[in-house]
N, C-alpha and C. Protein backbone atom coordinates (compact mmCIF):
# COMPACT_ATOMS: atom_id res chain seq x y z
N MET A 1 12.71 15.32 -1.95
CA MET A 1 12.59 16.12 -3.04
C MET A 1 11.39 16.09 -4.02
N ALA A 2 10.51 17.07 -3.46
CA ALA A 2 8.95 17.49 -4.38
C ALA A 2 9.19 18.14 -5.55
N ARG A 3 8.32 17.67 -6.36
CA ARG A 3 8.78 18.55 -7.58
C ARG A 3 7.92 19.41 -7.26
N SER A 4 7.91 20.65 -8.59
CA SER A 4 7.08 21.96 -8.92
C SER A 4 5.85 21.24 -9.10
N ALA A 5 4.90 22.34 -8.60
CA ALA A 5 3.51 21.84 -9.42
C ALA A 5 3.01 23.29 -9.48
N THR A 6 1.93 22.89 -10.40
CA THR A 6 1.04 24.21 -10.56
C THR A 6 -0.20 24.28 -9.54
N PRO A 7 -0.67 25.22 -9.32
CA PRO A 7 -1.37 25.80 -7.90
C PRO A 7 -2.19 25.28 -7.73
N ASN A 8 -3.31 24.25 -8.49
CA ASN A 8 -4.24 23.67 -8.08
C ASN A 8 -3.75 21.85 -8.01
N GLN A 9 -2.32 21.08 -8.47
CA GLN A 9 -2.52 20.19 -8.20
C GLN A 9 -1.71 19.76 -7.05
N ARG A 10 -1.76 18.52 -6.53
CA ARG A 10 -1.51 18.18 -5.27
C ARG A 10 0.07 17.48 -5.21
N VAL A 11 0.94 17.83 -4.56
CA VAL A 11 2.41 16.64 -5.35
C VAL A 11 2.40 16.14 -3.97
N VAL A 12 2.69 14.70 -3.65
CA VAL A 12 2.70 13.62 -2.88
C VAL A 12 4.45 13.93 -2.85
N LYS A 13 5.17 14.19 -1.64
CA LYS A 13 6.69 14.15 -1.44
C LYS A 13 6.50 12.80 -0.93
N PRO A 14 7.70 11.92 -1.68
CA PRO A 14 8.41 10.57 -1.02
C PRO A 14 8.33 10.02 0.09
N SER A 15 8.34 11.42 1.21
CA SER A 15 8.75 11.11 2.31
C SER A 15 7.46 10.60 2.79
N SER A 16 6.40 11.42 2.13
CA SER A 16 5.07 11.06 3.36
C SER A 16 4.47 9.67 2.94
N ASN A 17 3.08 9.14 3.63
CA ASN A 17 3.13 8.28 3.48
C ASN A 17 1.37 8.13 3.05
N PRO A 18 1.65 8.21 1.45
CA PRO A 18 0.42 8.60 0.66
C PRO A 18 -0.29 6.90 0.49
N ILE A 19 -1.84 6.88 0.89
CA ILE A 19 -2.67 5.90 0.59
C ILE A 19 -3.89 6.46 0.09
N THR A 20 -4.78 5.88 -0.56
CA THR A 20 -5.99 5.89 -1.22
C THR A 20 -7.06 5.71 -0.20
N PRO A 21 -8.04 6.41 -0.54
CA PRO A 21 -9.82 6.01 0.75
C PRO A 21 -10.07 4.60 0.25
N ALA A 22 -9.70 4.04 -0.58
CA ALA A 22 -9.89 2.45 -0.34
C ALA A 22 -8.57 1.90 0.08
N GLY A 23 -7.79 2.34 0.39
CA GLY A 23 -6.46 1.63 0.96
C GLY A 23 -6.67 1.55 2.48
N LEU A 24 -6.96 2.95 2.83
CA LEU A 24 -7.11 3.20 4.18
C LEU A 24 -8.43 2.27 5.28
N ALA A 25 -9.58 2.02 4.42
CA ALA A 25 -10.38 1.53 4.54
C ALA A 25 -10.00 0.09 4.95
N ALA A 26 -9.17 -0.43 4.05
CA ALA A 26 -8.62 -2.03 3.91
C ALA A 26 -7.80 -2.19 5.26
N LEU A 27 -7.02 -1.11 5.81
CA LEU A 27 -5.98 -1.54 6.86
C LEU A 27 -7.07 -0.96 8.18
N ARG A 28 -8.05 -0.14 8.04
CA ARG A 28 -9.25 0.56 8.91
C ARG A 28 -9.78 -1.25 9.30
N ALA A 29 -10.02 -1.85 8.39
CA ALA A 29 -11.29 -3.34 8.50
C ALA A 29 -10.26 -4.16 8.92
N ARG A 30 -8.75 -4.25 8.69
CA ARG A 30 -8.10 -5.37 9.23
C ARG A 30 -7.86 -4.97 10.56
N TYR A 31 -7.81 -3.74 10.70
CA TYR A 31 -7.57 -3.58 12.95
C TYR A 31 -8.92 -3.38 13.05
N ASP A 32 -9.90 -3.12 13.03
CA ASP A 32 -11.14 -3.53 13.11
C ASP A 32 -11.35 -4.84 13.71
N HIS A 33 -11.10 -6.01 12.46
CA HIS A 33 -11.06 -7.53 12.81
C HIS A 33 -10.12 -8.20 13.86
N LEU A 34 -8.94 -7.51 13.40
CA LEU A 34 -7.92 -7.83 14.74
C LEU A 34 -8.70 -7.84 16.38
N LEU A 35 -8.90 -6.52 16.51
CA LEU A 35 -9.27 -6.01 17.51
C LEU A 35 -10.38 -6.60 18.15
N GLY A 36 -11.73 -6.22 17.07
CA GLY A 36 -12.57 -6.49 17.45
C GLY A 36 -13.07 -8.17 17.47
N THR A 37 -12.34 -9.05 16.85
CA THR A 37 -12.56 -10.57 16.19
C THR A 37 -12.01 -11.37 16.87
N GLU A 38 -10.57 -11.20 16.51
CA GLU A 38 -9.64 -12.24 16.57
C GLU A 38 -9.12 -12.15 18.19
N ARG A 39 -8.88 -11.35 18.28
CA ARG A 39 -8.08 -10.67 19.69
C ARG A 39 -8.86 -11.09 20.94
N PRO A 40 -10.31 -11.01 21.02
CA PRO A 40 -11.00 -11.56 22.22
C PRO A 40 -10.99 -12.97 22.04
N ALA A 41 -11.07 -13.77 21.10
CA ALA A 41 -10.98 -15.03 20.52
C ALA A 41 -9.74 -15.70 21.64
N ILE A 42 -8.81 -15.25 21.23
CA ILE A 42 -7.59 -15.37 21.95
C ILE A 42 -7.57 -15.38 23.22
N VAL A 43 -8.08 -14.02 23.60
CA VAL A 43 -8.48 -13.62 25.06
C VAL A 43 -8.95 -14.58 26.23
N GLU A 44 -9.96 -15.21 24.92
CA GLU A 44 -11.15 -16.10 25.90
C GLU A 44 -10.20 -17.49 26.05
N ILE A 45 -9.79 -18.13 25.06
CA ILE A 45 -9.01 -19.43 24.77
C ILE A 45 -7.77 -19.14 25.94
N VAL A 46 -7.01 -18.01 26.13
CA VAL A 46 -6.03 -17.65 27.11
C VAL A 46 -6.16 -17.86 28.38
N SER A 47 -7.58 -17.21 28.84
CA SER A 47 -8.36 -17.33 29.95
C SER A 47 -8.59 -18.42 30.65
N TRP A 48 -9.40 -19.19 29.47
CA TRP A 48 -9.96 -20.85 29.61
C TRP A 48 -8.67 -21.67 29.75
N ALA A 49 -7.61 -21.63 29.00
CA ALA A 49 -6.18 -22.60 29.28
C ALA A 49 -5.66 -22.29 30.61
N ALA A 50 -5.53 -21.21 31.40
CA ALA A 50 -4.93 -20.42 32.46
C ALA A 50 -5.60 -21.09 33.27
N GLY A 51 -6.74 -21.49 33.42
CA GLY A 51 -7.80 -22.26 34.44
C GLY A 51 -7.61 -23.41 34.21
N ASN A 52 -6.88 -24.14 33.72
CA ASN A 52 -6.97 -25.31 33.70
C ASN A 52 -5.57 -26.16 34.26
N GLY A 53 -4.84 -24.64 35.25
CA GLY A 53 -3.51 -25.45 35.80
C GLY A 53 -2.33 -25.03 35.27
N ASP A 54 -1.76 -26.09 35.52
CA ASP A 54 -0.09 -25.82 34.91
C ASP A 54 0.22 -25.10 33.90
N ARG A 55 0.34 -23.98 33.81
CA ARG A 55 0.74 -23.53 32.42
C ARG A 55 1.82 -23.49 31.45
N SER A 56 2.83 -24.26 32.16
CA SER A 56 4.38 -24.12 31.37
C SER A 56 4.12 -25.12 30.39
N GLU A 57 2.98 -26.24 30.13
CA GLU A 57 2.85 -27.51 29.26
C GLU A 57 1.24 -27.25 29.02
N ASN A 58 1.23 -26.20 28.88
CA ASN A 58 -0.27 -26.31 28.36
C ASN A 58 0.05 -25.09 26.65
N GLY A 59 -0.65 -25.89 25.97
CA GLY A 59 -0.04 -25.38 24.86
C GLY A 59 -1.41 -24.59 24.08
N ASP A 60 -2.53 -24.79 24.53
CA ASP A 60 -3.27 -23.81 24.54
C ASP A 60 -2.68 -22.48 25.12
N TYR A 61 -2.24 -22.48 26.08
CA TYR A 61 -2.03 -21.35 26.61
C TYR A 61 -0.88 -20.71 26.22
N LEU A 62 0.30 -21.34 25.86
CA LEU A 62 1.28 -21.02 25.20
C LEU A 62 1.30 -20.22 23.98
N TYR A 63 0.56 -21.22 22.78
CA TYR A 63 -0.05 -20.88 21.98
C TYR A 63 -0.41 -19.22 21.80
N GLY A 64 -1.76 -19.52 22.44
CA GLY A 64 -2.58 -18.21 22.86
C GLY A 64 -2.11 -16.73 22.91
N ARG A 65 -0.86 -16.80 24.08
CA ARG A 65 0.03 -16.21 24.51
C ARG A 65 0.61 -15.21 23.43
N LYS A 66 1.03 -16.51 22.43
CA LYS A 66 2.29 -16.46 21.29
C LYS A 66 1.10 -15.03 20.33
N ARG A 67 0.13 -15.98 20.03
CA ARG A 67 -0.91 -15.15 19.04
C ARG A 67 -0.65 -13.87 19.55
N MET A 68 -1.34 -13.67 20.62
CA MET A 68 -1.58 -12.66 21.15
C MET A 68 -0.93 -11.62 20.81
N ARG A 69 0.79 -11.98 21.57
CA ARG A 69 1.64 -11.11 20.77
C ARG A 69 1.27 -10.65 19.51
N GLU A 70 1.77 -11.71 18.74
CA GLU A 70 1.19 -11.17 17.60
C GLU A 70 0.39 -10.22 16.75
N ILE A 71 -0.59 -10.44 17.31
CA ILE A 71 -1.96 -9.71 17.02
C ILE A 71 -1.56 -8.18 17.71
N ASP A 72 -0.71 -8.10 18.86
CA ASP A 72 -0.74 -7.18 19.34
C ASP A 72 0.37 -6.30 18.68
N ARG A 73 1.42 -7.28 17.80
CA ARG A 73 2.25 -6.27 17.42
C ARG A 73 1.83 -5.53 15.96
N GLU A 74 0.79 -6.44 15.54
CA GLU A 74 0.37 -6.36 14.41
C GLU A 74 -0.28 -5.29 14.49
N LEU A 75 -1.44 -4.98 15.51
CA LEU A 75 -2.34 -3.47 15.65
C LEU A 75 -1.52 -2.26 16.20
N ALA A 76 -0.20 -2.77 16.54
CA ALA A 76 0.39 -1.43 17.16
C ALA A 76 0.60 -0.70 15.43
N HIS A 77 1.63 -1.78 14.63
CA HIS A 77 1.96 -1.32 13.20
C HIS A 77 0.93 -0.76 12.30
N LEU A 78 -0.71 -1.25 12.53
CA LEU A 78 -1.37 -0.97 11.96
C LEU A 78 -2.09 0.53 12.46
N ALA A 79 -2.05 0.84 13.55
CA ALA A 79 -2.01 1.93 13.90
C ALA A 79 -1.27 2.71 13.56
N ARG A 80 -0.05 2.88 13.45
CA ARG A 80 1.18 3.54 13.22
C ARG A 80 1.15 4.03 12.08
N ARG A 81 0.93 3.26 10.83
CA ARG A 81 0.24 3.45 9.62
C ARG A 81 -0.90 4.40 9.65
N MET A 82 -1.71 4.17 9.96
CA MET A 82 -2.93 5.14 9.92
C MET A 82 -2.71 6.03 10.30
N LYS A 83 -2.00 6.58 11.60
CA LYS A 83 -1.78 7.78 11.65
C LYS A 83 -1.02 8.55 10.55
N ALA A 84 0.09 7.63 10.18
CA ALA A 84 0.83 8.44 9.49
C ALA A 84 0.47 8.69 8.03
N ALA A 85 -0.77 8.01 7.67
CA ALA A 85 -0.91 8.17 6.31
C ALA A 85 -1.73 9.31 6.17
N GLN A 86 -1.55 10.03 4.81
CA GLN A 86 -1.59 10.76 4.27
C GLN A 86 -2.96 10.38 2.93
N VAL A 87 -4.37 10.55 3.02
CA VAL A 87 -5.30 9.52 2.56
C VAL A 87 -4.99 11.14 0.96
N ILE A 88 -5.27 10.44 -0.22
CA ILE A 88 -5.25 11.44 -1.43
C ILE A 88 -6.01 10.26 -2.47
N ASP A 89 -7.72 11.45 -2.29
CA ASP A 89 -8.14 10.38 -4.02
C ASP A 89 -7.71 10.90 -4.82
N PRO A 90 -7.51 9.66 -5.62
CA PRO A 90 -6.75 9.92 -6.88
C PRO A 90 -8.03 10.67 -7.98
N ALA A 91 -9.04 10.29 -8.19
CA ALA A 91 -10.48 11.15 -8.53
C ALA A 91 -10.38 12.21 -8.77
N GLN A 92 -9.55 12.71 -7.31
CA GLN A 92 -9.61 14.29 -7.49
C GLN A 92 -8.73 14.61 -8.09
N GLN A 93 -7.36 14.30 -8.68
CA GLN A 93 -5.99 14.93 -9.66
C GLN A 93 -6.72 15.47 -10.07
N PRO A 94 -6.34 16.78 -10.37
CA PRO A 94 -6.71 18.06 -11.88
C PRO A 94 -5.55 17.99 -12.87
N ASP A 95 -4.49 17.21 -12.90
CA ASP A 95 -3.47 17.02 -13.81
C ASP A 95 -3.67 15.67 -14.40
N ARG A 96 -4.39 15.20 -15.59
CA ARG A 96 -5.02 13.99 -15.65
C ARG A 96 -4.22 13.47 -16.82
N THR A 97 -3.05 14.62 -17.32
CA THR A 97 -1.80 14.08 -18.14
C THR A 97 -0.75 13.72 -18.06
N ARG A 98 -0.66 13.59 -16.58
CA ARG A 98 0.38 12.89 -16.02
C ARG A 98 0.52 11.97 -14.86
N ALA A 99 1.05 11.22 -14.95
CA ALA A 99 1.05 9.94 -13.78
C ALA A 99 1.76 10.65 -12.50
N TRP A 100 0.59 10.53 -11.70
CA TRP A 100 0.65 10.85 -10.23
C TRP A 100 -0.01 9.82 -9.71
N PHE A 101 0.17 9.85 -8.44
CA PHE A 101 -0.50 9.09 -7.46
C PHE A 101 -1.67 9.16 -7.56
N GLY A 102 -1.88 7.28 -7.57
CA GLY A 102 -3.15 6.95 -7.88
C GLY A 102 -3.53 6.79 -9.43
N ALA A 103 -2.33 6.87 -10.49
CA ALA A 103 -2.71 6.86 -11.42
C ALA A 103 -2.54 5.38 -12.15
N THR A 104 -3.64 5.35 -12.96
CA THR A 104 -3.04 3.63 -14.00
C THR A 104 -2.46 4.48 -15.17
N VAL A 105 -1.26 3.16 -15.30
CA VAL A 105 -0.47 3.86 -16.28
C VAL A 105 -0.22 2.60 -17.31
N LEU A 106 -0.28 2.70 -18.58
CA LEU A 106 0.24 1.85 -19.70
C LEU A 106 1.36 2.15 -19.74
N ILE A 107 2.17 0.98 -19.70
CA ILE A 107 3.63 0.68 -20.20
C ILE A 107 4.09 -0.28 -21.43
N ALA A 108 4.93 -0.03 -22.06
CA ALA A 108 5.45 -1.08 -22.79
C ALA A 108 6.94 -0.95 -22.64
N ASP A 109 7.52 -2.59 -22.79
CA ASP A 109 9.29 -2.53 -22.58
C ASP A 109 9.73 -2.34 -23.86
N GLU A 110 11.08 -2.82 -23.96
CA GLU A 110 11.68 -2.78 -24.95
C GLU A 110 11.01 -3.59 -26.06
N ASN A 111 10.41 -4.67 -25.64
CA ASN A 111 10.10 -6.04 -26.69
C ASN A 111 8.42 -6.03 -26.97
N ASP A 112 8.21 -4.81 -26.91
CA ASP A 112 6.40 -4.32 -26.83
C ASP A 112 5.84 -5.10 -25.48
N GLU A 113 6.21 -5.75 -24.35
CA GLU A 113 5.27 -6.08 -24.10
C GLU A 113 4.40 -4.96 -23.35
N GLU A 114 3.23 -5.23 -23.46
CA GLU A 114 2.40 -4.15 -22.05
C GLU A 114 2.34 -4.42 -20.87
N ARG A 115 2.37 -3.52 -19.98
CA ARG A 115 1.75 -3.97 -18.43
C ARG A 115 1.19 -2.63 -17.98
N ALA A 116 0.25 -2.90 -17.18
CA ALA A 116 -0.53 -2.03 -16.86
C ALA A 116 -0.35 -1.88 -15.02
N VAL A 117 -0.01 -0.61 -14.75
CA VAL A 117 0.14 -0.47 -13.26
C VAL A 117 -0.34 0.63 -12.52
N THR A 118 -0.65 0.51 -11.06
CA THR A 118 -1.29 1.46 -10.29
C THR A 118 -0.54 2.17 -9.47
N LEU A 119 0.01 3.10 -9.38
CA LEU A 119 0.52 3.47 -8.62
C LEU A 119 -0.11 4.04 -7.07
N VAL A 120 0.18 3.27 -6.23
CA VAL A 120 -0.62 3.48 -4.80
C VAL A 120 0.36 3.55 -3.93
N GLY A 121 -0.26 3.65 -2.57
CA GLY A 121 0.47 3.68 -1.45
C GLY A 121 1.63 2.08 -1.11
N ASP A 122 2.39 2.59 -0.41
CA ASP A 122 3.09 1.33 0.43
C ASP A 122 2.33 0.44 0.76
N ASP A 123 2.07 0.87 1.27
CA ASP A 123 0.65 -0.21 2.34
C ASP A 123 -0.19 -0.56 1.67
N GLU A 124 -0.43 -0.31 0.40
CA GLU A 124 -1.89 -1.09 -0.50
C GLU A 124 -0.80 -1.60 -1.47
N GLN A 125 0.11 -1.78 -1.45
CA GLN A 125 0.77 -2.08 -2.51
C GLN A 125 0.59 -3.68 -2.91
N ASP A 126 0.17 -4.58 -4.48
CA ASP A 126 0.48 -5.65 -4.88
C ASP A 126 0.97 -6.12 -5.85
N PRO A 127 2.00 -6.17 -6.14
CA PRO A 127 2.27 -6.04 -8.08
C PRO A 127 1.90 -7.34 -8.51
N SER A 128 1.38 -8.04 -7.79
CA SER A 128 0.78 -9.61 -8.71
C SER A 128 -0.55 -9.01 -9.08
N ALA A 129 -1.16 -7.75 -8.72
CA ALA A 129 -2.37 -7.37 -9.36
C ALA A 129 -2.36 -6.04 -9.91
N GLY A 130 -0.44 -5.86 -10.24
CA GLY A 130 -0.38 -4.63 -10.91
C GLY A 130 -0.35 -3.26 -10.14
N ARG A 131 -0.65 -3.32 -8.48
CA ARG A 131 -0.78 -2.24 -7.93
C ARG A 131 0.94 -1.68 -6.93
N ILE A 132 1.32 -0.72 -7.26
CA ILE A 132 2.87 -1.30 -7.50
C ILE A 132 3.09 0.60 -5.92
N GLY A 133 3.93 0.22 -5.29
CA GLY A 133 4.05 0.90 -4.18
C GLY A 133 4.69 2.41 -4.80
N TRP A 134 4.11 3.82 -3.86
CA TRP A 134 4.56 4.86 -4.34
C TRP A 134 5.79 4.99 -4.13
N SER A 135 6.78 3.92 -3.35
CA SER A 135 7.96 4.12 -3.46
C SER A 135 9.22 3.54 -3.84
N ALA A 136 8.47 2.57 -4.96
CA ALA A 136 8.83 0.94 -5.86
C ALA A 136 9.88 2.16 -6.66
N PRO A 137 10.91 1.41 -7.15
CA PRO A 137 11.58 2.02 -8.57
C PRO A 137 10.97 2.34 -9.73
N ILE A 138 9.59 1.46 -9.94
CA ILE A 138 8.90 2.07 -11.40
C ILE A 138 8.20 2.94 -11.23
N ALA A 139 7.27 3.26 -9.56
CA ALA A 139 6.83 4.05 -9.40
C ALA A 139 7.34 5.62 -9.18
N ARG A 140 8.99 5.61 -8.68
CA ARG A 140 9.57 6.89 -8.89
C ARG A 140 10.08 7.23 -10.35
N ALA A 141 9.89 6.21 -11.14
CA ALA A 141 10.48 6.56 -12.66
C ALA A 141 9.26 7.11 -13.01
N LEU A 142 7.82 6.98 -12.82
CA LEU A 142 6.73 6.81 -13.27
C LEU A 142 6.40 8.63 -13.34
N ARG A 143 7.14 8.84 -11.77
CA ARG A 143 5.82 10.13 -11.43
C ARG A 143 6.25 11.31 -12.45
N GLY A 144 5.54 11.74 -12.51
CA GLY A 144 5.33 12.84 -13.75
C GLY A 144 5.41 12.86 -15.10
N ALA A 145 5.32 11.56 -15.36
CA ALA A 145 5.43 10.71 -16.87
C ALA A 145 4.15 11.08 -17.47
N ALA A 146 4.04 11.73 -18.87
CA ALA A 146 2.67 11.85 -19.94
C ALA A 146 3.33 10.94 -20.83
N VAL A 147 2.01 10.70 -21.56
CA VAL A 147 2.06 9.80 -22.90
C VAL A 147 3.02 9.96 -23.83
N GLY A 148 4.05 8.74 -24.34
CA GLY A 148 4.67 9.24 -24.97
C GLY A 148 6.60 9.20 -24.52
N ASP A 149 6.39 9.72 -23.41
CA ASP A 149 7.68 9.68 -22.17
C ASP A 149 8.24 8.47 -22.47
N LEU A 150 9.40 8.34 -22.58
CA LEU A 150 10.55 7.18 -21.78
C LEU A 150 11.15 7.44 -20.82
N ARG A 151 10.90 6.29 -19.95
CA ARG A 151 11.25 6.21 -18.76
C ARG A 151 12.34 5.14 -18.28
N THR A 152 13.13 5.15 -17.90
CA THR A 152 14.79 4.18 -17.41
C THR A 152 14.45 3.86 -16.08
N VAL A 153 14.27 2.63 -15.95
CA VAL A 153 13.98 2.06 -14.40
C VAL A 153 15.39 1.47 -13.80
N ARG A 154 16.07 1.27 -12.90
CA ARG A 154 17.08 0.70 -12.34
C ARG A 154 16.51 -0.60 -11.97
N LEU A 155 16.43 -1.61 -12.21
CA LEU A 155 16.59 -2.78 -11.52
C LEU A 155 17.18 -3.92 -11.37
N PRO A 156 17.48 -5.02 -10.43
CA PRO A 156 18.61 -5.69 -10.19
C PRO A 156 18.87 -6.17 -10.74
N ALA A 157 18.29 -6.25 -12.19
CA ALA A 157 18.81 -7.74 -13.29
C ALA A 157 19.34 -5.87 -14.21
N GLY A 158 19.34 -4.62 -13.81
CA GLY A 158 19.90 -4.22 -15.26
C GLY A 158 18.80 -2.87 -15.24
N GLU A 159 18.94 -2.19 -15.90
CA GLU A 159 18.12 -0.80 -16.39
C GLU A 159 17.35 -1.32 -17.56
N LYS A 160 15.77 -0.95 -17.32
CA LYS A 160 14.93 -1.34 -18.64
C LYS A 160 14.01 0.01 -18.64
N GLU A 161 14.36 -0.25 -20.10
CA GLU A 161 13.35 1.67 -20.18
C GLU A 161 11.82 1.08 -20.92
N TRP A 162 11.10 1.98 -20.45
CA TRP A 162 9.78 1.37 -20.99
C TRP A 162 8.97 2.96 -21.40
N GLU A 163 7.89 2.67 -22.13
CA GLU A 163 7.61 3.43 -22.94
C GLU A 163 6.16 4.29 -21.90
N VAL A 164 5.17 5.30 -21.52
CA VAL A 164 4.11 5.32 -21.58
C VAL A 164 3.34 5.49 -22.13
N LEU A 165 2.62 4.43 -22.32
CA LEU A 165 1.66 4.41 -23.59
C LEU A 165 -0.39 5.08 -23.61
N ALA A 166 -0.39 5.00 -22.30
CA ALA A 166 -1.72 5.65 -21.71
C ALA A 166 -1.99 6.07 -20.35
N ILE A 167 -2.56 7.01 -19.35
CA ILE A 167 -2.71 7.18 -18.50
C ILE A 167 -3.92 7.26 -17.94
N ASP A 168 -4.24 6.72 -16.77
CA ASP A 168 -5.86 6.99 -16.52
C ASP A 168 -6.08 7.52 -15.02
N TYR A 169 -6.83 7.97 -15.15
CA TYR A 169 -7.48 8.24 -13.45
C TYR A 169 -8.99 7.40 -13.05
N PRO A 170 -9.18 7.36 -12.07
CA PRO A 170 -10.56 6.31 -11.89
C PRO A 170 -11.36 8.08 -11.64
N GLU A 171 -12.89 7.79 -12.32
CA GLU A 171 -13.95 9.12 -12.02
C GLU A 171 -14.51 9.33 -10.56
N ALA A 172 -14.48 10.83 -10.56
CA ALA A 172 -15.29 10.82 -9.31
C ALA A 172 -17.18 10.69 -8.95
N ARG A 173 -16.95 10.39 -7.83
CA ARG A 173 -18.47 9.79 -7.77
C ARG A 173 -18.92 10.56 -6.99
């Protein structure tokens, strides 16, 4: 379900994996830390424990092997997510009058309670910090909204209506 766009506007398709440059850098940093620091430390512990004899009752060996599998799974997951990522710099958004990927949107509900949310990639979402994943219901409802628009969001507790009060994008560096 791609939205129509002006020639200069870059539309993010919901099926893609958009991510901000900072989000990709965080994924890369986590990957590098696991591969360069944590995994070598665990390999050292496992090889030391293996040299101590009976592996079936050796806690360091058993825990180390388990932790190594966890690290390898996370490394594979991070590699897949980085490979599928579509890096989009919100500072380069030409249409700053509407809420698109990377926008910080100030919204108010029926009780005039204001909330600021930033539309980011699913891999960098953190609702407690106001970073909402691109595929979250509220982000889908806000896509393409302009200041003054009312958007209805279907939540588990029922429908909720939000009014867009302001839209902001980071400045280009």
